[in-house]
Structure formats: C-alpha cells, structure tokens
Amino acid sequence: MDYGAGDGGKGIPALVEAMQQMTDNLITVGSDIPGLDGLFKGRSIFPLSRLQRNELKAAKRSIRMERMLDGRLTPCIVTPLQLSDELYGDVTCWQTKRPLEERDFHLLDRAVPLLALEFLKVITRNDVEQAFKDDLLAEVLDGNVPDKAETIERARLYGWDLSVDYQVFAIAYAGGGQSQDNLESKELRLQEQKRKLVRKANEFFRFRGAGTIALARKEYLVILYPVTGGSENGLPEGADKSAVIQTAEAIRKQLSHDFGDWAFTVGIGRFYRGLEGIRQGYVEAVKAIRLGAPVAQEKGVVHFDDLGVFRILSQFHDWNELEDIYKETIGKLVEYDFSNNSNLVQTLTEYFACNCSLNETAEKLYVHVNTMKYRLQKIEQLTGHGIHDAEKRLLLHLGIHIHQILQTGHY
C-alpha cells in the first residue's frame, strides 16, 4: 500500500509535509509494513511492480520512473528505503505541480536516513508485538494450554477469536537464492523474509476469511483459517475437503507469484474443533508436508487424508522395526544400485505404481518386457521376497514407502 501519513512512525507525516513544501510536489511513502497506513487515502497510487522493486533495490539510489497516480501515468522520482540490503519501502516525489529537477534528487537522498529511522521504530515495535503473539500461538500449537479461558482472553488482546474453530494449513517455503552474507546478515534477511511471508498471507486472506491468523513458526508459515456454520456433510462451511484444497492451491499460487523463484508446499490437516483441534490440525498439516512429497508432486498441496499408507507409518514413534523392514527389503536394493550403477529401486517403485503390470512398467521405463522380467527376478534374488507372494509383496511395498520417508529426512 502507498501512503503519506499514518499512526506508525509519528515522525513520517512531518517529514513528508516538510518535503512537500520544499518540492512543491506530492510526496508519498510506500511500504507493506503493518502500522504505516492511512496516508493520502484520497489518492489512488498503484504499488511498485516486482520489476520496479528489483530495479530500485539494485540501484540503491533515487531513480526516475513513471507510475500510476489517480489513474494516470505520472513522471516521478523514487528513492529506496533499505535496511540491511532489504527493501522496506520507497519515497516517491510525483510531478504534480512543477517539473522534476536535480535538486529533488538531493532532497530525497537527505531525507531517506531520517525516514529509515522512523521505519526502524515501527519494525521494532511490530517485532515485539509479534513475539508475544508467536508465544501465545506456540502454546496452542504445542498443546500447552492449562487454562483455555485465559488463553482465549489473551488472544482477544490481539484481535483474535480462539473460541471459534479453525482449519489449519502449514506452508513450507524455500528459495531466495544463495547468499554470500555473513551469519548476522543472513539472520536479518531470514527474519525479514518471515515478516514478509506473514504480511502477504494476511493480505491474501483479508477479503477471503476475516479473522484468519498467520504466523511464522520454525520452518513453516502457519495459517489458522476460521470456519463457521454447517453444511450437508456435517462439516462447517469452509472445512469441506474440496473447498480447503482450493484455498490451499490459491494461497500457494499467490505466494509463488509474490516471491518469484521460491518453492512452496502446503500441508493440510483434517478439521477438528476447539483449541485442541488447532494442535491436531497443525500436527497433521506438518506430517502432510514431511511425508507427502510423493503425493504432492507437481501440485505442491497435500492433504493428510491423501497420505495413504504414510498415515499409518507416521504413527510409529519407534523406527527400529520399520528400519529392519527397510534393511531386509529396499535397503538391499539401494546397496546393489549404488555398487552396480543400476536402478532396481526405481524399477520396483514404478512396477507397484503401475499396479504390477509388466507391459505398462516396461513402457514407462522405456525397456523391453524381458528386461523387466530379469530385473524383477534380480529383486527377488536379492531380497528373498517373491513379488507374487501377497505377504512378501506387501513387505516390499512397505519398504518402498519407508525408503521414500528416509529420503525426505523427516522421520
């Protein structure tokens, strides 16, 4: 959003007013930081595009642009507001009364350090408030709620209503490219990335679900989406599986658009009521991400219900028995593939995926049917498990799933 006055940084309106008097042109400050809105509500200002933001960030100085003001393409000078190399906003001098001059560049450059200090005050205040919010929700997500009434009352201080029911989404994210920053700079960048994720999620749900709660927790963006009322299948409106998946796909699409080359995977837990339900939904949403890579594939969205046999395997807390099954089955094939540059694990995986059809699997792997027969015989020889024996085939199938979990590193 763009603005020229507001409650957040109390010094910003005065600075903007002073710059307007000196330039005799409209000055606006643009940012998506909460607490810095409310300026120039009567003006229609189109936000910077991603291309313009990247150009401004790379320039690190004032540059000329043409932007939309009140529906008209207007010449302007745009100055970046950067902290720790992160672009937090912009100051724009619009050509509304007189032509832009070189002295306008100097004025903006002198004003930026003062505006940056005001931004830093707002960011610090928001971070402190967000830390209290995160602590409260961490208690809920961890199931550490000794007094429900007190927790619900504390949540109301932040404008949250935890007395209603929520559908829980967990969103894993990765990207932003490789950085050569030092450890401190990387930590600052990570914190800003988390702030931006939460802001973008709140923007997305602003008109789709009033009362939606978003927070960055560990390596996930967690969304609590309020659901109310009832429907024919007994679930509240918005908790129906197809509707939930559509919402997840929409938020993933929007975040992918906002963050360019970032990768997002949305995990969805089943719907449960009450504060305890929030925790249950969160645990399942995280499991859906951790175990659902083979299910999510290109879509990047996986519902806990769709994990299949992974739902059963996820309940095991002692992995010793499962690791024994793996070693007795797929583990032997992994070792053989590594030593002989073969692909027996892939062959068996595709064979099961093709419902044990020799012809279909051979076609998918671009090999002859006789080659498939040889590979299956080799698999039986190495594992001692015949693929035509129902019980032995089940163990091989379990071994494949355990192998896929081990590959994710989440077990």
Protein backbone atom coordinates (compact mmCIF):
# COMPACT_ATOMS: atom_id res chain seq x y z
CA MET A 1 0.00 0.00 0.00
CA ASP A 2 1.13 3.59 -0.51
CA TYR A 3 0.60 6.42 1.89
CA GLY A 4 1.88 9.79 3.02
CA ALA A 5 0.73 9.89 6.69
CA GLY A 6 -0.07 7.42 9.48
CA ASP A 7 -0.02 6.30 13.08
CA GLY A 8 3.03 4.03 12.96
CA GLY A 9 6.06 6.27 12.57
CA LYS A 10 4.91 9.51 14.14
CA GLY A 11 7.77 11.42 12.53
CA ILE A 12 6.91 10.30 9.00
CA PRO A 13 3.95 12.68 8.41
CA ALA A 14 6.03 15.68 9.50
CA LEU A 15 8.90 14.66 7.23
CA VAL A 16 6.56 14.15 4.29
CA GLU A 17 4.89 17.52 4.87
CA ALA A 18 8.27 19.27 5.01
CA MET A 19 9.43 17.62 1.76
CA GLN A 20 6.19 18.59 0.01
CA GLN A 21 6.68 22.23 0.98
CA MET A 22 10.27 22.20 -0.33
CA THR A 23 9.49 20.42 -3.62
CA ASP A 24 6.01 21.85 -4.22
CA ASN A 25 5.07 18.35 -5.44
CA LEU A 26 3.23 15.41 -3.92
CA ILE A 27 5.40 13.14 -1.74
CA THR A 28 4.28 9.62 -0.77
CA VAL A 29 5.86 6.80 1.18
CA GLY A 30 5.14 3.24 0.09
CA SER A 31 5.51 0.11 2.20
CA ASP A 32 3.60 -3.02 3.17
CA ILE A 33 4.75 -2.84 6.81
CA PRO A 34 1.77 -3.00 9.19
CA GLY A 35 1.20 0.19 11.15
CA LEU A 36 2.26 2.52 8.37
CA ASP A 37 -1.03 3.06 6.59
CA GLY A 38 -3.64 5.77 6.46
CA LEU A 39 -1.86 8.46 4.44
CA PHE A 40 -3.39 10.03 1.38
CA LYS A 41 -6.50 7.89 1.45
CA GLY A 42 -7.98 10.08 -1.26
CA ARG A 43 -5.22 9.28 -3.77
CA SER A 44 -5.09 6.16 -5.91
CA ILE A 45 -1.47 5.02 -6.10
CA PHE A 46 -0.50 1.81 -7.87
CA PRO A 47 2.20 -0.09 -5.91
CA LEU A 48 5.62 -0.72 -7.38
CA SER A 49 5.72 -3.77 -9.64
CA ARG A 50 8.16 -6.58 -8.90
CA LEU A 51 10.32 -5.38 -11.81
CA GLN A 52 10.34 -1.83 -10.44
CA ARG A 53 11.16 -3.09 -6.92
CA ASN A 54 14.07 -5.13 -8.27
CA GLU A 55 15.33 -2.14 -10.28
CA LEU A 56 15.12 0.10 -7.21
CA LYS A 57 16.81 -2.44 -4.97
CA ALA A 58 19.66 -2.91 -7.44
CA ALA A 59 20.14 0.84 -7.94
CA LYS A 60 20.25 1.63 -4.19
CA ARG A 61 19.63 5.30 -5.07
CA SER A 62 16.93 7.62 -6.38
CA ILE A 63 15.84 6.89 -9.96
CA ARG A 64 13.29 8.29 -12.40
CA MET A 65 10.20 6.25 -13.12
CA GLU A 66 6.68 6.57 -14.43
CA ARG A 67 3.97 5.25 -12.08
CA MET A 68 0.19 5.29 -11.92
CA LEU A 69 -1.24 8.14 -9.81
CA ASP A 70 -5.00 8.66 -9.75
CA GLY A 71 -5.32 6.55 -12.89
CA ARG A 72 -2.70 8.47 -14.87
CA LEU A 73 0.88 7.54 -15.76
CA THR A 74 2.88 10.20 -13.93
CA PRO A 75 6.63 11.02 -14.01
CA CYS A 76 8.26 10.66 -10.59
CA ILE A 77 11.48 10.15 -8.65
CA VAL A 78 11.54 7.03 -6.49
CA THR A 79 14.02 6.54 -3.64
CA PRO A 80 14.54 3.16 -1.93
CA LEU A 81 14.15 2.77 1.82
CA GLN A 82 16.60 -0.04 2.59
CA LEU A 83 17.74 -1.60 5.83
CA SER A 84 20.38 -4.35 5.77
CA ASP A 85 20.01 -4.52 1.97
CA GLU A 86 16.31 -5.33 2.29
CA LEU A 87 13.84 -3.03 0.53
CA TYR A 88 11.27 -1.98 3.15
CA GLY A 89 9.60 0.77 1.17
CA ASP A 90 10.02 3.75 -1.10
CA VAL A 91 9.73 7.54 -1.10
CA THR A 92 8.20 8.97 -4.27
CA CYS A 93 8.22 12.57 -5.46
CA TRP A 94 5.48 12.97 -8.08
CA GLN A 95 5.47 15.57 -10.85
CA THR A 96 2.12 17.09 -9.89
CA LYS A 97 2.78 20.86 -9.87
CA ARG A 98 6.18 21.55 -11.39
CA PRO A 99 8.78 19.62 -13.44
CA LEU A 100 11.18 17.40 -11.52
CA GLU A 101 14.67 18.82 -11.04
CA GLU A 102 18.12 17.66 -9.91
CA ARG A 103 17.61 19.30 -6.50
CA ASP A 104 14.69 16.94 -5.87
CA PHE A 105 17.12 14.01 -6.01
CA HIS A 106 19.35 15.66 -3.38
CA LEU A 107 16.38 16.39 -1.13
CA LEU A 108 15.14 12.80 -1.23
CA ASP A 109 18.63 11.42 -0.57
CA ARG A 110 18.96 13.65 2.52
CA ALA A 111 15.53 12.69 3.84
CA VAL A 112 15.94 8.91 3.46
CA PRO A 113 18.12 8.32 6.58
CA LEU A 114 15.52 10.12 8.75
CA LEU A 115 12.66 8.12 7.23
CA ALA A 116 14.64 4.89 7.63
CA LEU A 117 14.95 5.58 11.37
CA GLU A 118 11.18 6.02 11.62
CA PHE A 119 10.67 2.77 9.71
CA LEU A 120 13.04 1.00 12.09
CA LYS A 121 10.98 2.18 15.07
CA VAL A 122 7.80 0.72 13.56
CA ILE A 123 9.51 -2.54 12.61
CA THR A 124 10.92 -2.92 16.13
CA ARG A 125 7.51 -2.26 17.69
CA ASN A 126 5.87 -4.77 15.34
CA ASP A 127 8.53 -7.38 16.11
CA VAL A 128 7.95 -7.05 19.86
CA GLU A 129 4.19 -7.41 19.42
CA GLN A 130 4.65 -10.33 17.02
CA ALA A 131 6.91 -12.09 19.54
CA PHE A 132 4.08 -12.01 22.12
CA LYS A 133 1.64 -13.29 19.50
CA ASP A 134 4.01 -16.09 18.48
CA ASP A 135 4.47 -17.14 22.11
CA LEU A 136 0.71 -17.39 22.59
CA LEU A 137 0.14 -19.43 19.45
CA ALA A 138 3.15 -21.62 20.21
CA GLU A 139 1.38 -22.67 23.40
CA VAL A 140 -1.73 -23.58 21.41
CA LEU A 141 0.18 -25.44 18.67
CA ASP A 142 2.25 -27.32 21.27
CA GLY A 143 -0.85 -28.24 23.27
CA ASN A 144 0.42 -26.30 26.29
CA VAL A 145 -2.89 -24.68 27.29
CA PRO A 146 -3.53 -25.14 31.04
CA ASP A 147 -6.39 -22.61 31.09
CA LYS A 148 -8.49 -22.36 27.92
CA ALA A 149 -10.48 -19.34 29.10
CA GLU A 150 -7.30 -17.39 29.90
CA THR A 151 -5.75 -18.27 26.53
CA ILE A 152 -8.88 -17.16 24.67
CA GLU A 153 -8.93 -13.91 26.64
CA ARG A 154 -5.23 -13.22 25.92
CA ALA A 155 -5.87 -13.83 22.23
CA ARG A 156 -8.60 -11.17 22.23
CA LEU A 157 -5.95 -8.58 23.13
CA TYR A 158 -4.52 -9.16 19.65
CA GLY A 159 -7.90 -9.17 17.92
CA TRP A 160 -8.05 -12.97 17.64
CA ASP A 161 -11.06 -15.10 18.47
CA LEU A 162 -9.81 -18.53 19.53
CA SER A 163 -13.30 -19.53 20.67
CA VAL A 164 -14.19 -20.34 17.04
CA ASP A 165 -12.99 -23.32 15.01
CA TYR A 166 -10.10 -23.20 12.54
CA GLN A 167 -8.85 -25.14 9.55
CA VAL A 168 -5.06 -25.37 9.78
CA PHE A 169 -2.58 -25.03 6.91
CA ALA A 170 1.21 -25.38 7.21
CA ILE A 171 3.28 -23.95 4.36
CA ALA A 172 6.90 -24.97 3.83
CA TYR A 173 8.99 -22.49 1.88
CA ALA A 174 12.44 -22.46 0.31
CA GLY A 175 14.22 -20.10 -2.03
CA GLY A 176 15.64 -16.62 -2.24
CA GLY A 177 18.83 -17.81 -3.94
CA GLN A 178 22.26 -18.42 -2.46
CA SER A 179 23.58 -15.55 -0.36
CA GLN A 180 27.19 -14.70 0.48
CA ASP A 181 26.12 -12.67 3.52
CA ASN A 182 27.72 -13.22 6.92
CA LEU A 183 25.81 -15.07 9.63
CA GLU A 184 24.29 -11.91 11.13
CA SER A 185 23.14 -10.61 7.74
CA LYS A 186 21.63 -13.98 6.87
CA GLU A 187 19.68 -13.99 10.13
CA LEU A 188 18.37 -10.47 9.46
CA ARG A 189 17.38 -11.49 5.94
CA LEU A 190 15.62 -14.60 7.26
CA GLN A 191 13.65 -12.55 9.78
CA GLU A 192 12.58 -10.11 7.07
CA GLN A 193 11.54 -13.00 4.81
CA LYS A 194 9.36 -14.35 7.61
CA ARG A 195 7.81 -10.90 8.19
CA LYS A 196 7.04 -10.59 4.51
CA LEU A 197 5.50 -14.08 4.33
CA VAL A 198 3.16 -13.26 7.20
CA ARG A 199 2.23 -9.89 5.65
CA LYS A 200 1.48 -11.45 2.26
CA ALA A 201 -0.60 -14.21 3.86
CA ASN A 202 -2.62 -11.65 5.80
CA GLU A 203 -3.16 -9.64 2.62
CA PHE A 204 -4.40 -12.75 0.79
CA PHE A 205 -6.93 -13.68 3.47
CA ARG A 206 -8.04 -10.12 4.24
CA PHE A 207 -11.09 -10.41 1.98
CA ARG A 208 -11.37 -14.21 1.93
CA GLY A 209 -11.57 -15.03 5.59
CA ALA A 210 -11.95 -12.34 8.22
CA GLY A 211 -10.21 -13.41 11.39
CA THR A 212 -7.52 -15.52 9.69
CA ILE A 213 -4.35 -15.84 11.77
CA ALA A 214 -0.90 -16.17 10.17
CA LEU A 215 2.44 -16.72 11.87
CA ALA A 216 5.93 -17.96 11.01
CA ARG A 217 6.77 -20.95 13.18
CA LYS A 218 10.08 -22.78 12.80
CA GLU A 219 10.42 -23.56 9.07
CA TYR A 220 6.72 -23.15 8.33
CA LEU A 221 4.17 -20.43 7.68
CA VAL A 222 1.13 -21.49 9.71
CA ILE A 223 -2.37 -20.37 8.74
CA LEU A 224 -5.42 -20.67 11.00
CA TYR A 225 -8.44 -20.22 8.76
CA PRO A 226 -11.74 -19.64 10.64
CA VAL A 227 -14.67 -21.87 9.66
CA THR A 228 -18.23 -21.46 10.87
CA GLY A 229 -21.76 -22.72 10.25
CA GLY A 230 -22.68 -26.13 8.92
CA SER A 231 -23.20 -28.00 5.66
CA GLU A 232 -24.86 -31.13 4.35
CA ASN A 233 -21.91 -33.35 5.23
CA GLY A 234 -21.81 -32.06 8.81
CA LEU A 235 -18.63 -30.03 8.36
CA PRO A 236 -18.61 -26.26 8.89
CA GLU A 237 -18.59 -24.04 5.84
CA GLY A 238 -15.04 -23.82 4.53
CA ALA A 239 -13.91 -27.11 6.11
CA ASP A 240 -15.12 -29.28 3.23
CA LYS A 241 -12.07 -31.07 1.79
CA SER A 242 -12.50 -29.85 -1.79
CA ALA A 243 -13.00 -26.25 -0.60
CA VAL A 244 -9.98 -26.49 1.70
CA ILE A 245 -7.76 -27.80 -1.11
CA GLN A 246 -8.94 -24.98 -3.39
CA THR A 247 -7.99 -22.43 -0.72
CA ALA A 248 -4.59 -24.08 -0.28
CA GLU A 249 -3.94 -24.05 -4.02
CA ALA A 250 -4.95 -20.39 -4.21
CA ILE A 251 -2.63 -19.25 -1.40
CA ARG A 252 0.24 -21.28 -2.85
CA LYS A 253 -0.32 -19.73 -6.28
CA GLN A 254 -0.39 -16.22 -4.78
CA LEU A 255 2.77 -16.73 -2.71
CA SER A 256 4.56 -18.22 -5.73
CA HIS A 257 3.63 -15.08 -7.66
CA ASP A 258 4.73 -12.74 -4.86
CA PHE A 259 8.04 -14.49 -4.20
CA GLY A 260 9.16 -15.39 -7.72
CA ASP A 261 11.55 -18.34 -7.64
CA TRP A 262 10.56 -19.56 -4.17
CA ALA A 263 9.08 -23.05 -3.79
CA PHE A 264 6.04 -23.60 -1.57
CA THR A 265 4.39 -26.79 -0.33
CA VAL A 266 1.09 -26.58 1.55
CA GLY A 267 0.19 -29.26 4.07
CA ILE A 268 -3.43 -29.56 5.19
CA GLY A 269 -4.60 -31.19 8.41
CA ARG A 270 -8.05 -32.62 8.93
CA PHE A 271 -10.63 -30.36 10.56
CA TYR A 272 -11.02 -30.54 14.35
CA ARG A 273 -12.95 -28.32 16.73
CA GLY A 274 -11.69 -26.25 19.65
CA LEU A 275 -8.22 -25.27 20.84
CA GLU A 276 -7.17 -28.92 20.92
CA GLY A 277 -8.33 -29.16 17.33
CA ILE A 278 -5.88 -26.43 16.29
CA ARG A 279 -2.99 -28.52 17.61
CA GLN A 280 -4.27 -31.72 15.99
CA GLY A 281 -4.74 -29.99 12.66
CA TYR A 282 -1.27 -28.44 12.88
CA VAL A 283 0.45 -31.76 13.66
CA GLU A 284 -1.28 -33.39 10.69
CA ALA A 285 -0.52 -30.48 8.36
CA VAL A 286 3.20 -30.74 9.20
CA LYS A 287 3.11 -34.52 8.70
CA ALA A 288 1.42 -33.99 5.34
CA ILE A 289 4.39 -31.86 4.25
CA ARG A 290 7.08 -34.09 5.70
CA LEU A 291 5.69 -37.37 4.41
CA GLY A 292 3.66 -36.25 1.43
CA ALA A 293 6.34 -35.40 -1.15
CA PRO A 294 5.43 -38.43 -3.33
CA VAL A 295 1.74 -37.42 -3.04
CA ALA A 296 2.15 -33.66 -3.56
CA GLN A 297 4.35 -33.97 -6.68
CA GLU A 298 3.80 -31.00 -9.01
CA LYS A 299 0.73 -29.62 -7.23
CA GLY A 300 2.59 -28.65 -4.10
CA VAL A 301 -0.52 -29.28 -1.98
CA VAL A 302 -1.13 -32.40 0.11
CA HIS A 303 -3.99 -33.23 2.47
CA PHE A 304 -3.34 -35.54 5.41
CA ASP A 305 -6.19 -37.76 4.19
CA ASP A 306 -4.29 -38.38 0.95
CA LEU A 307 -1.13 -39.74 2.58
CA GLY A 308 -2.42 -43.30 2.27
CA VAL A 309 -0.08 -45.79 3.92
CA PHE A 310 2.15 -42.89 5.05
CA ARG A 311 -0.59 -42.06 7.59
CA ILE A 312 -0.01 -45.44 9.22
CA LEU A 313 3.78 -45.21 9.09
CA SER A 314 3.67 -41.71 10.61
CA GLN A 315 2.18 -43.13 13.81
CA PHE A 316 5.32 -45.17 14.59
CA HIS A 317 7.47 -43.48 17.22
CA ASP A 318 9.99 -46.32 17.40
CA TRP A 319 11.53 -46.67 13.97
CA ASN A 320 13.66 -49.72 14.78
CA GLU A 321 11.12 -52.19 13.40
CA LEU A 322 10.49 -50.13 10.29
CA GLU A 323 14.23 -49.78 9.67
CA ASP A 324 14.54 -53.56 9.96
CA ILE A 325 11.87 -53.97 7.26
CA TYR A 326 13.74 -51.45 5.13
CA LYS A 327 17.08 -53.24 5.55
CA GLU A 328 15.50 -56.60 4.72
CA THR A 329 13.89 -55.27 1.55
CA ILE A 330 14.69 -52.00 -0.20
CA GLY A 331 17.92 -51.39 1.69
CA LYS A 332 19.49 -54.33 -0.16
CA LEU A 333 18.36 -52.92 -3.49
CA VAL A 334 19.76 -49.47 -2.64
CA GLU A 335 23.16 -51.02 -1.89
CA TYR A 336 23.08 -53.04 -5.11
CA ASP A 337 22.09 -49.99 -7.20
CA PHE A 338 24.91 -47.96 -5.67
CA SER A 339 27.54 -50.65 -6.32
CA ASN A 340 26.38 -51.62 -9.81
CA ASN A 341 25.00 -48.33 -11.17
CA SER A 342 21.62 -49.99 -11.66
CA ASN A 343 18.06 -48.84 -10.93
CA LEU A 344 16.24 -51.71 -9.23
CA VAL A 345 14.61 -49.38 -6.66
CA GLN A 346 13.13 -47.23 -9.43
CA THR A 347 12.02 -50.36 -11.28
CA LEU A 348 10.16 -51.75 -8.27
CA THR A 349 8.65 -48.35 -7.45
CA GLU A 350 7.26 -47.98 -10.97
CA TYR A 351 6.12 -51.61 -11.02
CA PHE A 352 3.94 -51.02 -7.96
CA ALA A 353 2.78 -47.64 -9.33
CA CYS A 354 1.62 -49.45 -12.48
CA ASN A 355 -0.37 -52.00 -10.42
CA CYS A 356 2.20 -54.74 -11.11
CA SER A 357 1.69 -54.57 -14.88
CA LEU A 358 4.83 -55.75 -16.69
CA ASN A 359 3.92 -54.18 -20.02
CA GLU A 360 2.91 -50.81 -18.59
CA THR A 361 6.02 -50.59 -16.40
CA ALA A 362 8.32 -51.56 -19.29
CA GLU A 363 6.72 -48.90 -21.46
CA LYS A 364 7.09 -46.27 -18.74
CA LEU A 365 10.76 -47.13 -18.19
CA TYR A 366 11.47 -47.45 -21.93
CA VAL A 367 12.77 -51.02 -21.58
CA HIS A 368 11.83 -54.38 -23.08
CA VAL A 369 9.44 -56.65 -21.18
CA ASN A 370 12.20 -59.28 -20.92
CA THR A 371 14.41 -56.68 -19.24
CA MET A 372 11.64 -56.08 -16.73
CA LYS A 373 11.36 -59.80 -16.03
CA TYR A 374 15.11 -60.00 -15.43
CA ARG A 375 15.06 -57.04 -13.05
CA LEU A 376 12.16 -58.46 -11.04
CA GLN A 377 13.96 -61.80 -10.75
CA LYS A 378 17.04 -59.94 -9.50
CA ILE A 379 14.90 -58.10 -6.93
CA GLU A 380 13.50 -61.41 -5.65
CA GLN A 381 17.00 -62.91 -5.53
CA LEU A 382 18.49 -60.00 -3.56
CA THR A 383 15.63 -59.53 -1.08
CA GLY A 384 14.36 -63.09 -0.77
CA HIS A 385 10.84 -61.71 -1.24
CA GLY A 386 8.79 -63.03 -4.15
CA ILE A 387 6.64 -60.42 -5.88
CA HIS A 388 3.90 -62.97 -6.49
CA ASP A 389 3.59 -63.79 -2.79
CA ALA A 390 0.98 -61.39 -1.35
CA GLU A 391 2.61 -61.07 2.08
CA LYS A 392 6.14 -60.71 0.69
CA ARG A 393 4.92 -58.19 -1.87
CA LEU A 394 3.33 -56.17 0.95
CA LEU A 395 6.69 -56.04 2.76
CA LEU A 396 8.38 -54.82 -0.42
CA HIS A 397 5.66 -52.20 -0.83
CA LEU A 398 6.15 -51.03 2.77
CA GLY A 399 9.89 -50.95 2.17
CA ILE A 400 9.38 -48.58 -0.78
CA HIS A 401 7.31 -46.21 1.37
CA ILE A 402 9.86 -46.33 4.20
CA HIS A 403 12.58 -45.57 1.65
CA GLN A 404 10.64 -42.50 0.46
CA ILE A 405 10.28 -41.27 4.06
CA LEU A 406 14.00 -41.77 4.70
CA GLN A 407 14.78 -39.74 1.58
CA THR A 408 12.86 -36.76 2.96
CA GLY A 409 14.92 -36.80 6.17
CA HIS A 410 11.73 -36.46 8.28
CA TYR A 411 11.18 -39.50 10.49
